[in-house]
Amino acid sequence: MAQFNSIIAILGIIATIYLLIKKYETRTVLIGVGLIMAILTFKPMEALDAFAKSMTSGGLIMAICSSMGFAYVMKFTQCDSHLVHLLTKPLSGLKFFLIPIATIITFFINIAIPSAAGCAAAVGATLIPVLKSAGVRPATAGAAILAGTFGSMMNPGSSHSVMIGDMAGLTVTEVNLLHAPYTFIAGAIGALVLTILALVLKDYGEQHRQAYLQENQETESHFAKVNLLYALAPLIPLIILVIGGTSLQKISGLEWTNMGVAQAMLIGAIYAIVVTRVSPVKITDEFFNGMGNSYANVLGIIIAASVFVAGLKATGAVDSAIEFLKNSNEFVRWGATIGPFLMGVVTGSGDAAAIAFNTAVTPHAIELGYTHVNLGMAAAIAGAIGRTASPIAGVTIVCAGLAMVSPVEMVKRTAPGMVLATLFLALFML
């Protein structure tokens, strides 16, 4: 029976990877394969119970849904665009140095605008033309934006930070502060390697600038004037949560900042109503539309991943893997980083692999000799990094469309830095 269960587990994993590579709907694949494994091992209720239990994860629902609701409000009011233009308009004279700076700016804006594709669309629409006009080859211009789109790991609404915080008994802000040095260094590695490649490949020069000017005579869509109050709106919840999660809250008058993610996002939305004077009815509609969308598309993956993990547990594969990792700690660092990274590359999404790993293995982090934060966030960051090296990721396609180049050409430039960043996580974070 044990052999039969092992075969089911292996076939289930292979089938999942194959179907995800073929771009079948992620939630359907995870739920379907997980349920089939549970049925074949005569434990269907384990998968069904996992589905029901994960539907009501209070901390996850509040943080993720409110964060996405706020993101919808920022998009509707165009406050996110004002922030982007505020940070990018003064940069057009930086020329070659705009390449790493564009990556760094994208990284930090991705903290405030957590959707990778949404951030790339907002930032790329302004920065990619600026990069091209400065003499940067289009493929590198798109790659500079793409390389910065894992800054969302620092967002207070990140599902990974919330999940790890629940395991470790920490707030989201505490989790983010603990993994921040590694995440920032990984981002710096990506920016530095991309810049070196731009020099090696001669991706900057007057010939590229002239080619852009000849091919793109239309004026770029810039705001006539950035509204500073609008530009501040996407940062309001982030500022509140950082102050409230650190010793700064002890300063007289700042005690009120000690609050949850949902409360901070709601304050941000109220601020947007006040400064933009958009109808509160429309803002409310957008906020709840965003909340519903996040439950379907973000929490939906978490729920589906829990069913898949329950199916694997039913076969005994998870217990066997954990036992192996307990006795072979040298493999944990590679399984937690290279595994999610490769899944991110081949599927275009690192979330499913990272969430599955964090659901199955990270709860046992202490037994394996690691902290919950380091093990869990290493997997999450590696998955997000893998996505930025994937030619089929939605964010890659967005950047390629804005730069008008092949996704593969961009990935050739982001992948080397992302590989080094993943190795950094494996060797120094774990």
Protein backbone atom coordinates (compact mmCIF):
# COMPACT_ATOMS: atom_id res chain seq x y z
CA MET A 1 0.00 0.00 0.00
CA ALA A 2 2.86 2.38 0.84
CA GLN A 3 4.35 1.80 -2.61
CA PHE A 4 0.99 2.45 -4.27
CA ASN A 5 0.61 5.71 -2.34
CA SER A 6 4.13 6.79 -3.32
CA ILE A 7 3.33 6.19 -6.99
CA ILE A 8 0.15 8.26 -6.64
CA ALA A 9 2.13 11.11 -5.05
CA ILE A 10 4.81 11.07 -7.78
CA LEU A 11 2.23 10.95 -10.57
CA GLY A 12 0.25 13.73 -8.88
CA ILE A 13 3.28 16.01 -8.67
CA ILE A 14 4.28 15.30 -12.29
CA ALA A 15 0.72 15.88 -13.50
CA THR A 16 0.51 19.16 -11.59
CA ILE A 17 3.78 20.49 -13.01
CA TYR A 18 2.81 19.41 -16.54
CA LEU A 19 -0.64 20.99 -16.38
CA LEU A 20 0.70 24.23 -14.91
CA ILE A 21 3.38 24.43 -17.61
CA LYS A 22 0.62 23.95 -20.18
CA LYS A 23 -1.09 26.99 -18.61
CA TYR A 24 -4.18 25.21 -17.31
CA GLU A 25 -6.04 27.21 -14.68
CA THR A 26 -3.97 27.02 -11.46
CA ARG A 27 -6.81 26.61 -8.96
CA THR A 28 -8.49 23.90 -11.04
CA VAL A 29 -5.25 21.93 -11.34
CA LEU A 30 -4.39 22.14 -7.64
CA ILE A 31 -7.88 21.27 -6.41
CA GLY A 32 -8.40 18.57 -9.05
CA VAL A 33 -5.10 16.76 -8.52
CA GLY A 34 -5.28 17.10 -4.74
CA LEU A 35 -8.81 15.68 -4.63
CA ILE A 36 -7.92 12.80 -6.96
CA MET A 37 -4.92 11.85 -4.79
CA ALA A 38 -7.10 11.94 -1.67
CA ILE A 39 -9.79 9.79 -3.32
CA LEU A 40 -7.28 7.22 -4.60
CA THR A 41 -5.88 6.84 -1.09
CA PHE A 42 -9.43 6.52 0.32
CA LYS A 43 -9.17 9.76 2.29
CA PRO A 44 -11.36 12.20 0.32
CA MET A 45 -12.52 14.08 3.41
CA GLU A 46 -8.98 15.26 4.11
CA ALA A 47 -9.00 17.28 0.89
CA LEU A 48 -12.56 18.52 1.42
CA ASP A 49 -11.84 19.51 5.02
CA ALA A 50 -8.71 21.38 3.92
CA PHE A 51 -10.82 23.30 1.38
CA ALA A 52 -13.38 24.28 4.03
CA LYS A 53 -10.80 25.21 6.66
CA SER A 54 -8.71 27.41 4.39
CA MET A 55 -11.79 29.34 3.22
CA THR A 56 -12.02 31.08 6.58
CA SER A 57 -8.42 31.97 7.41
CA GLY A 58 -9.25 35.22 9.19
CA GLY A 59 -5.82 36.89 9.08
CA LEU A 60 -5.31 36.09 5.41
CA ILE A 61 -8.76 37.29 4.38
CA MET A 62 -8.51 40.62 6.21
CA ALA A 63 -5.00 41.48 5.04
CA ILE A 64 -5.19 40.33 1.42
CA CYS A 65 -8.75 41.41 0.61
CA SER A 66 -8.36 44.86 2.16
CA SER A 67 -5.00 45.36 0.42
CA MET A 68 -6.46 44.52 -2.99
CA GLY A 69 -9.52 46.67 -2.30
CA PHE A 70 -7.22 49.60 -1.60
CA ALA A 71 -5.23 48.85 -4.78
CA TYR A 72 -8.46 49.05 -6.81
CA VAL A 73 -9.24 52.43 -5.26
CA MET A 74 -5.75 53.71 -6.12
CA LYS A 75 -6.16 52.62 -9.73
CA PHE A 76 -9.66 54.09 -10.05
CA THR A 77 -8.60 57.47 -8.64
CA GLN A 78 -5.29 57.38 -10.61
CA CYS A 79 -3.41 58.06 -7.38
CA ASP A 80 -1.02 55.24 -8.30
CA SER A 81 -0.21 57.01 -11.59
CA HIS A 82 0.52 60.26 -9.76
CA LEU A 83 2.98 58.41 -7.51
CA VAL A 84 4.67 56.83 -10.53
CA HIS A 85 5.01 60.14 -12.37
CA LEU A 86 6.24 61.94 -9.25
CA LEU A 87 9.11 59.47 -8.91
CA THR A 88 10.00 59.06 -12.57
CA LYS A 89 9.70 62.47 -14.27
CA PRO A 90 12.90 63.92 -12.73
CA LEU A 91 14.92 60.90 -13.89
CA SER A 92 15.06 61.39 -17.65
CA GLY A 93 18.48 63.08 -17.47
CA LEU A 94 20.22 60.18 -15.71
CA LYS A 95 20.89 58.36 -19.00
CA PHE A 96 22.73 55.03 -18.51
CA PHE A 97 22.31 55.05 -14.74
CA LEU A 98 18.58 55.04 -15.29
CA ILE A 99 18.76 51.25 -15.83
CA PRO A 100 19.49 50.22 -12.22
CA ILE A 101 17.51 53.17 -10.89
CA ALA A 102 14.45 52.06 -12.89
CA THR A 103 14.71 48.60 -11.33
CA ILE A 104 15.03 50.05 -7.83
CA ILE A 105 12.12 52.47 -8.36
CA THR A 106 9.93 49.63 -9.66
CA PHE A 107 10.91 47.53 -6.65
CA PHE A 108 9.81 50.22 -4.19
CA ILE A 109 6.65 51.16 -6.08
CA ASN A 110 5.76 47.45 -6.16
CA ILE A 111 5.64 47.63 -2.36
CA ALA A 112 2.86 50.21 -2.57
CA ILE A 113 1.23 48.71 -5.71
CA PRO A 114 1.52 44.98 -4.94
CA SER A 115 0.24 43.50 -8.20
CA ALA A 116 3.30 42.66 -10.31
CA ALA A 117 1.45 43.14 -13.61
CA GLY A 118 -0.36 46.23 -12.32
CA CYS A 119 2.85 47.79 -11.07
CA ALA A 120 4.66 46.98 -14.33
CA ALA A 121 1.83 48.56 -16.33
CA ALA A 122 1.80 51.69 -14.17
CA VAL A 123 5.57 52.14 -13.98
CA GLY A 124 6.44 50.81 -17.42
CA ALA A 125 4.02 53.11 -19.24
CA THR A 126 6.14 56.03 -18.03
CA LEU A 127 9.61 54.63 -17.39
CA ILE A 128 10.08 52.44 -20.48
CA PRO A 129 9.70 55.41 -22.89
CA VAL A 130 12.04 57.41 -20.64
CA LEU A 131 14.62 54.60 -20.76
CA LYS A 132 14.33 54.29 -24.54
CA SER A 133 14.65 58.02 -25.06
CA ALA A 134 17.79 57.96 -22.90
CA GLY A 135 19.39 55.47 -25.32
CA VAL A 136 18.55 52.13 -23.66
CA ARG A 137 17.77 49.17 -25.94
CA PRO A 138 14.05 48.27 -25.70
CA ALA A 139 14.72 44.73 -24.37
CA THR A 140 16.76 46.12 -21.47
CA ALA A 141 14.23 48.90 -20.87
CA GLY A 142 11.52 46.27 -20.37
CA ALA A 143 13.88 44.05 -18.35
CA ALA A 144 14.70 46.94 -15.98
CA ILE A 145 11.04 47.17 -15.00
CA LEU A 146 10.54 43.40 -14.88
CA ALA A 147 13.55 42.87 -12.59
CA GLY A 148 12.01 45.05 -9.90
CA THR A 149 8.62 43.35 -9.71
CA PHE A 150 9.18 41.28 -6.60
CA GLY A 151 9.17 44.28 -4.27
CA SER A 152 5.63 43.20 -3.35
CA MET A 153 7.25 40.76 -0.91
CA MET A 154 7.54 43.82 1.38
CA ASN A 155 3.88 44.78 1.02
CA PRO A 156 1.91 44.52 4.30
CA GLY A 157 -0.88 42.73 2.41
CA SER A 158 1.42 40.01 1.05
CA SER A 159 -0.26 36.63 1.50
CA HIS A 160 3.14 35.06 2.21
CA SER A 161 3.99 37.48 5.02
CA VAL A 162 0.57 37.00 6.57
CA MET A 163 0.84 33.20 6.37
CA ILE A 164 4.33 33.14 7.89
CA GLY A 165 3.30 35.64 10.55
CA ASP A 166 0.48 33.33 11.63
CA MET A 167 2.93 30.42 11.95
CA ALA A 168 5.56 32.39 13.84
CA GLY A 169 3.19 34.39 16.03
CA LEU A 170 4.47 37.67 14.58
CA THR A 171 2.79 40.67 12.99
CA VAL A 172 3.12 41.20 9.25
CA THR A 173 5.34 44.22 9.87
CA GLU A 174 7.67 42.17 12.09
CA VAL A 175 7.91 39.48 9.40
CA ASN A 176 8.68 42.06 6.72
CA LEU A 177 11.34 43.77 8.81
CA LEU A 178 13.05 40.41 9.44
CA HIS A 179 13.29 39.40 5.78
CA ALA A 180 13.80 42.95 4.44
CA PRO A 181 17.64 42.87 4.35
CA TYR A 182 17.66 39.68 2.26
CA THR A 183 14.90 40.91 -0.05
CA PHE A 184 16.62 44.25 -0.64
CA ILE A 185 19.97 42.59 -1.33
CA ALA A 186 18.30 40.17 -3.77
CA GLY A 187 16.78 43.18 -5.54
CA ALA A 188 20.16 44.93 -5.63
CA ILE A 189 21.77 41.82 -7.13
CA GLY A 190 19.16 41.76 -9.91
CA ALA A 191 19.68 45.46 -10.67
CA LEU A 192 23.49 45.20 -10.63
CA VAL A 193 23.71 42.13 -12.87
CA LEU A 194 21.23 43.65 -15.34
CA THR A 195 23.35 46.80 -15.50
CA ILE A 196 26.53 44.80 -16.14
CA LEU A 197 24.77 42.83 -18.88
CA ALA A 198 23.63 46.08 -20.47
CA LEU A 199 27.27 47.13 -20.72
CA VAL A 200 28.40 43.76 -22.07
CA LEU A 201 25.60 43.56 -24.64
CA LYS A 202 26.01 47.23 -25.61
CA ASP A 203 22.39 47.92 -24.73
CA TYR A 204 22.99 51.61 -24.19
CA GLY A 205 24.08 54.11 -26.79
CA GLU A 206 23.13 56.95 -29.10
CA GLN A 207 22.11 54.50 -31.85
CA HIS A 208 19.34 53.11 -29.63
CA ARG A 209 18.17 56.62 -28.79
CA GLN A 210 18.00 57.63 -32.45
CA ALA A 211 16.15 54.42 -33.34
CA TYR A 212 13.57 55.16 -30.67
CA LEU A 213 13.11 58.76 -31.80
CA GLN A 214 12.60 57.67 -35.41
CA GLU A 215 10.15 54.89 -34.59
CA ASN A 216 8.18 56.68 -31.87
CA GLN A 217 7.28 60.17 -32.87
CA GLU A 218 4.10 60.23 -30.82
CA THR A 219 4.22 62.17 -27.59
CA GLU A 220 4.39 60.17 -24.39
CA SER A 221 1.45 60.43 -22.05
CA HIS A 222 2.72 62.51 -19.14
CA PHE A 223 0.59 64.35 -16.66
CA ALA A 224 0.70 68.11 -17.04
CA LYS A 225 1.11 68.36 -13.28
CA VAL A 226 1.52 65.76 -10.54
CA ASN A 227 -0.74 66.25 -7.55
CA LEU A 228 1.40 65.58 -4.47
CA LEU A 229 -1.63 64.78 -2.32
CA TYR A 230 -2.73 62.16 -4.86
CA ALA A 231 0.79 60.72 -5.06
CA LEU A 232 0.90 60.31 -1.29
CA ALA A 233 -2.27 58.20 -1.17
CA PRO A 234 -0.74 54.79 -2.13
CA LEU A 235 1.87 55.23 0.62
CA ILE A 236 -0.50 56.11 3.47
CA PRO A 237 -1.22 52.52 4.66
CA LEU A 238 2.43 51.56 4.30
CA ILE A 239 3.56 54.53 6.40
CA ILE A 240 0.97 53.80 9.08
CA LEU A 241 1.88 50.11 9.30
CA VAL A 242 5.63 50.72 9.41
CA ILE A 243 5.26 53.29 12.20
CA GLY A 244 2.75 51.13 14.07
CA GLY A 245 4.93 48.04 13.82
CA THR A 246 8.10 49.65 15.13
CA SER A 247 9.20 51.59 18.19
CA LEU A 248 8.15 54.79 16.41
CA GLN A 249 4.63 54.18 17.67
CA LYS A 250 5.84 55.02 21.17
CA ILE A 251 6.36 58.63 20.12
CA SER A 252 3.66 60.81 21.61
CA GLY A 253 0.81 61.26 19.18
CA LEU A 254 1.65 58.20 17.06
CA GLU A 255 0.17 55.53 19.34
CA TRP A 256 -2.89 55.28 17.09
CA THR A 257 -0.78 53.78 14.28
CA ASN A 258 -0.69 50.42 16.08
CA MET A 259 -3.39 48.77 13.95
CA GLY A 260 -4.01 45.91 11.53
CA VAL A 261 -3.60 45.87 7.76
CA ALA A 262 -7.34 46.16 7.05
CA GLN A 263 -7.71 49.26 9.22
CA ALA A 264 -4.71 50.96 7.55
CA MET A 265 -6.02 50.19 4.07
CA LEU A 266 -9.41 51.64 4.97
CA ILE A 267 -7.76 54.84 6.24
CA GLY A 268 -5.88 55.05 2.95
CA ALA A 269 -9.12 54.72 1.00
CA ILE A 270 -10.78 57.43 3.13
CA TYR A 271 -7.78 59.70 2.51
CA ALA A 272 -8.24 59.12 -1.24
CA ILE A 273 -11.90 60.18 -0.99
CA VAL A 274 -10.92 63.39 0.80
CA VAL A 275 -8.11 64.50 -1.54
CA THR A 276 -9.58 63.37 -4.88
CA ARG A 277 -13.19 64.31 -4.05
CA VAL A 278 -14.37 61.25 -5.98
CA SER A 279 -17.83 59.99 -5.04
CA PRO A 280 -17.67 57.87 -1.86
CA VAL A 281 -20.16 55.52 -3.53
CA LYS A 282 -17.76 54.83 -6.40
CA ILE A 283 -14.80 54.42 -4.03
CA THR A 284 -16.79 51.96 -1.95
CA ASP A 285 -17.76 50.00 -5.05
CA GLU A 286 -14.13 49.78 -6.17
CA PHE A 287 -12.92 48.78 -2.72
CA PHE A 288 -15.35 45.89 -2.49
CA ASN A 289 -14.74 44.90 -6.11
CA GLY A 290 -11.06 44.61 -5.25
CA MET A 291 -11.83 42.59 -2.13
CA GLY A 292 -13.95 40.16 -4.12
CA ASN A 293 -11.35 39.85 -6.86
CA SER A 294 -8.59 39.11 -4.34
CA TYR A 295 -10.64 36.38 -2.68
CA ALA A 296 -11.24 34.72 -6.03
CA ASN A 297 -7.75 35.04 -7.47
CA VAL A 298 -5.30 35.33 -4.57
CA LEU A 299 -6.98 33.51 -1.72
CA GLY A 300 -8.35 31.11 -4.31
CA ILE A 301 -4.80 29.90 -5.02
CA ILE A 302 -4.12 29.53 -1.29
CA ILE A 303 -7.30 27.50 -0.84
CA ALA A 304 -6.50 25.34 -3.87
CA ALA A 305 -2.93 24.81 -2.67
CA SER A 306 -4.20 23.58 0.68
CA VAL A 307 -6.32 20.96 -1.11
CA PHE A 308 -3.30 19.84 -3.13
CA VAL A 309 -1.16 19.59 0.01
CA ALA A 310 -3.94 17.64 1.76
CA GLY A 311 -3.92 15.20 -1.16
CA LEU A 312 -0.16 14.79 -0.84
CA LYS A 313 -0.50 14.31 2.91
CA ALA A 314 -3.07 11.60 2.30
CA THR A 315 -0.46 9.65 0.31
CA GLY A 316 2.08 10.01 3.10
CA ALA A 317 4.42 11.91 0.77
CA VAL A 318 4.52 15.05 2.92
CA ASP A 319 5.41 13.15 6.09
CA SER A 320 8.11 11.23 4.22
CA ALA A 321 9.54 14.43 2.73
CA ILE A 322 9.57 16.16 6.11
CA GLU A 323 11.27 13.17 7.70
CA PHE A 324 13.87 13.19 4.92
CA LEU A 325 14.50 16.90 5.36
CA LYS A 326 14.81 16.50 9.13
CA ASN A 327 17.60 14.00 8.62
CA SER A 328 19.16 15.81 5.64
CA ASN A 329 19.18 19.48 6.57
CA GLU A 330 21.64 20.28 3.80
CA PHE A 331 18.85 19.76 1.25
CA VAL A 332 16.35 22.09 2.92
CA ARG A 333 17.99 25.31 1.75
CA TRP A 334 17.95 24.12 -1.87
CA GLY A 335 14.46 22.68 -1.78
CA ALA A 336 13.09 25.91 -0.27
CA THR A 337 14.72 28.18 -2.86
CA ILE A 338 15.55 26.42 -6.11
CA GLY A 339 12.24 24.49 -6.08
CA PRO A 340 9.94 27.56 -5.98
CA PHE A 341 12.32 29.43 -8.31
CA LEU A 342 12.11 26.75 -11.00
CA MET A 343 8.33 26.49 -10.60
CA GLY A 344 8.13 30.26 -11.01
CA VAL A 345 10.14 30.04 -14.21
CA VAL A 346 8.22 27.17 -15.82
CA THR A 347 4.71 28.20 -14.74
CA GLY A 348 4.96 32.00 -14.70
CA SER A 349 3.77 32.07 -11.08
CA GLY A 350 5.86 31.40 -8.00
CA ASP A 351 2.90 31.68 -5.62
CA ALA A 352 1.52 28.17 -6.02
CA ALA A 353 4.85 26.43 -5.36
CA ALA A 354 5.79 28.76 -2.48
CA ILE A 355 2.39 28.45 -0.81
CA ALA A 356 2.42 24.66 -1.17
CA PHE A 357 5.92 24.52 0.36
CA ASN A 358 4.97 26.87 3.18
CA THR A 359 1.81 24.93 3.91
CA ALA A 360 3.56 21.56 4.01
CA VAL A 361 7.12 22.15 5.21
CA THR A 362 7.48 25.58 6.86
CA PRO A 363 5.32 24.69 9.91
CA HIS A 364 8.18 22.28 10.78
CA ALA A 365 10.89 24.96 10.36
CA ILE A 366 12.08 24.79 13.97
CA GLU A 367 12.53 21.02 13.75
CA LEU A 368 14.53 21.52 10.57
CA GLY A 369 16.83 24.05 12.21
CA TYR A 370 15.42 27.26 10.70
CA THR A 371 13.08 30.04 11.74
CA HIS A 372 9.61 30.19 10.22
CA VAL A 373 10.38 33.61 8.73
CA ASN A 374 13.65 32.67 7.05
CA LEU A 375 12.45 29.34 5.64
CA GLY A 376 9.00 30.53 4.59
CA MET A 377 9.99 33.87 3.14
CA ALA A 378 13.02 32.38 1.34
CA ALA A 379 10.58 30.12 -0.53
CA ALA A 380 8.20 33.01 -1.23
CA ILE A 381 10.93 35.37 -2.47
CA ALA A 382 12.52 32.64 -4.60
CA GLY A 383 9.16 31.94 -6.25
CA ALA A 384 8.64 35.64 -7.02
CA ILE A 385 12.19 35.90 -8.37
CA GLY A 386 11.54 32.88 -10.59
CA ARG A 387 8.49 34.62 -12.02
CA THR A 388 10.65 37.57 -13.13
CA ALA A 389 12.79 35.10 -15.11
CA SER A 390 9.80 33.48 -16.81
CA PRO A 391 8.88 34.32 -20.43
CA ILE A 392 5.27 33.22 -19.84
CA ALA A 393 4.54 35.24 -16.70
CA GLY A 394 1.80 37.84 -17.00
CA VAL A 395 4.10 40.61 -15.79
CA THR A 396 6.74 39.64 -18.37
CA ILE A 397 4.18 39.84 -21.16
CA VAL A 398 3.03 43.26 -19.90
CA CYS A 399 6.61 44.58 -19.91
CA ALA A 400 7.31 43.03 -23.33
CA GLY A 401 4.19 44.67 -24.75
CA LEU A 402 5.15 48.09 -23.39
CA ALA A 403 8.72 47.73 -24.67
CA MET A 404 7.53 46.15 -27.94
CA VAL A 405 10.02 43.27 -27.74
CA SER A 406 9.94 39.49 -27.34
CA PRO A 407 9.48 38.26 -23.73
CA VAL A 408 12.38 35.87 -24.31
CA GLU A 409 14.72 38.77 -25.12
CA MET A 410 13.88 40.39 -21.79
CA VAL A 411 14.22 37.18 -19.80
CA LYS A 412 17.69 36.62 -21.26
CA ARG A 413 18.63 39.79 -19.41
CA THR A 414 16.81 39.25 -16.12
CA ALA A 415 17.50 35.51 -15.63
CA PRO A 416 21.26 35.66 -14.77
CA GLY A 417 20.66 38.14 -11.95
CA MET A 418 17.67 36.21 -10.67
CA VAL A 419 19.67 32.97 -10.53
CA LEU A 420 22.38 34.71 -8.48
CA ALA A 421 19.74 36.27 -6.20
CA THR A 422 18.24 32.83 -5.56
CA LEU A 423 21.65 31.36 -4.73
CA PHE A 424 22.18 34.30 -2.34
CA LEU A 425 18.94 33.42 -0.54
CA ALA A 426 19.93 29.75 -0.28
CA LEU A 427 23.43 30.45 1.02
CA PHE A 428 22.85 33.45 3.31
CA MET A 429 19.17 33.51 4.32
CA LEU A 430 19.11 29.79 5.15
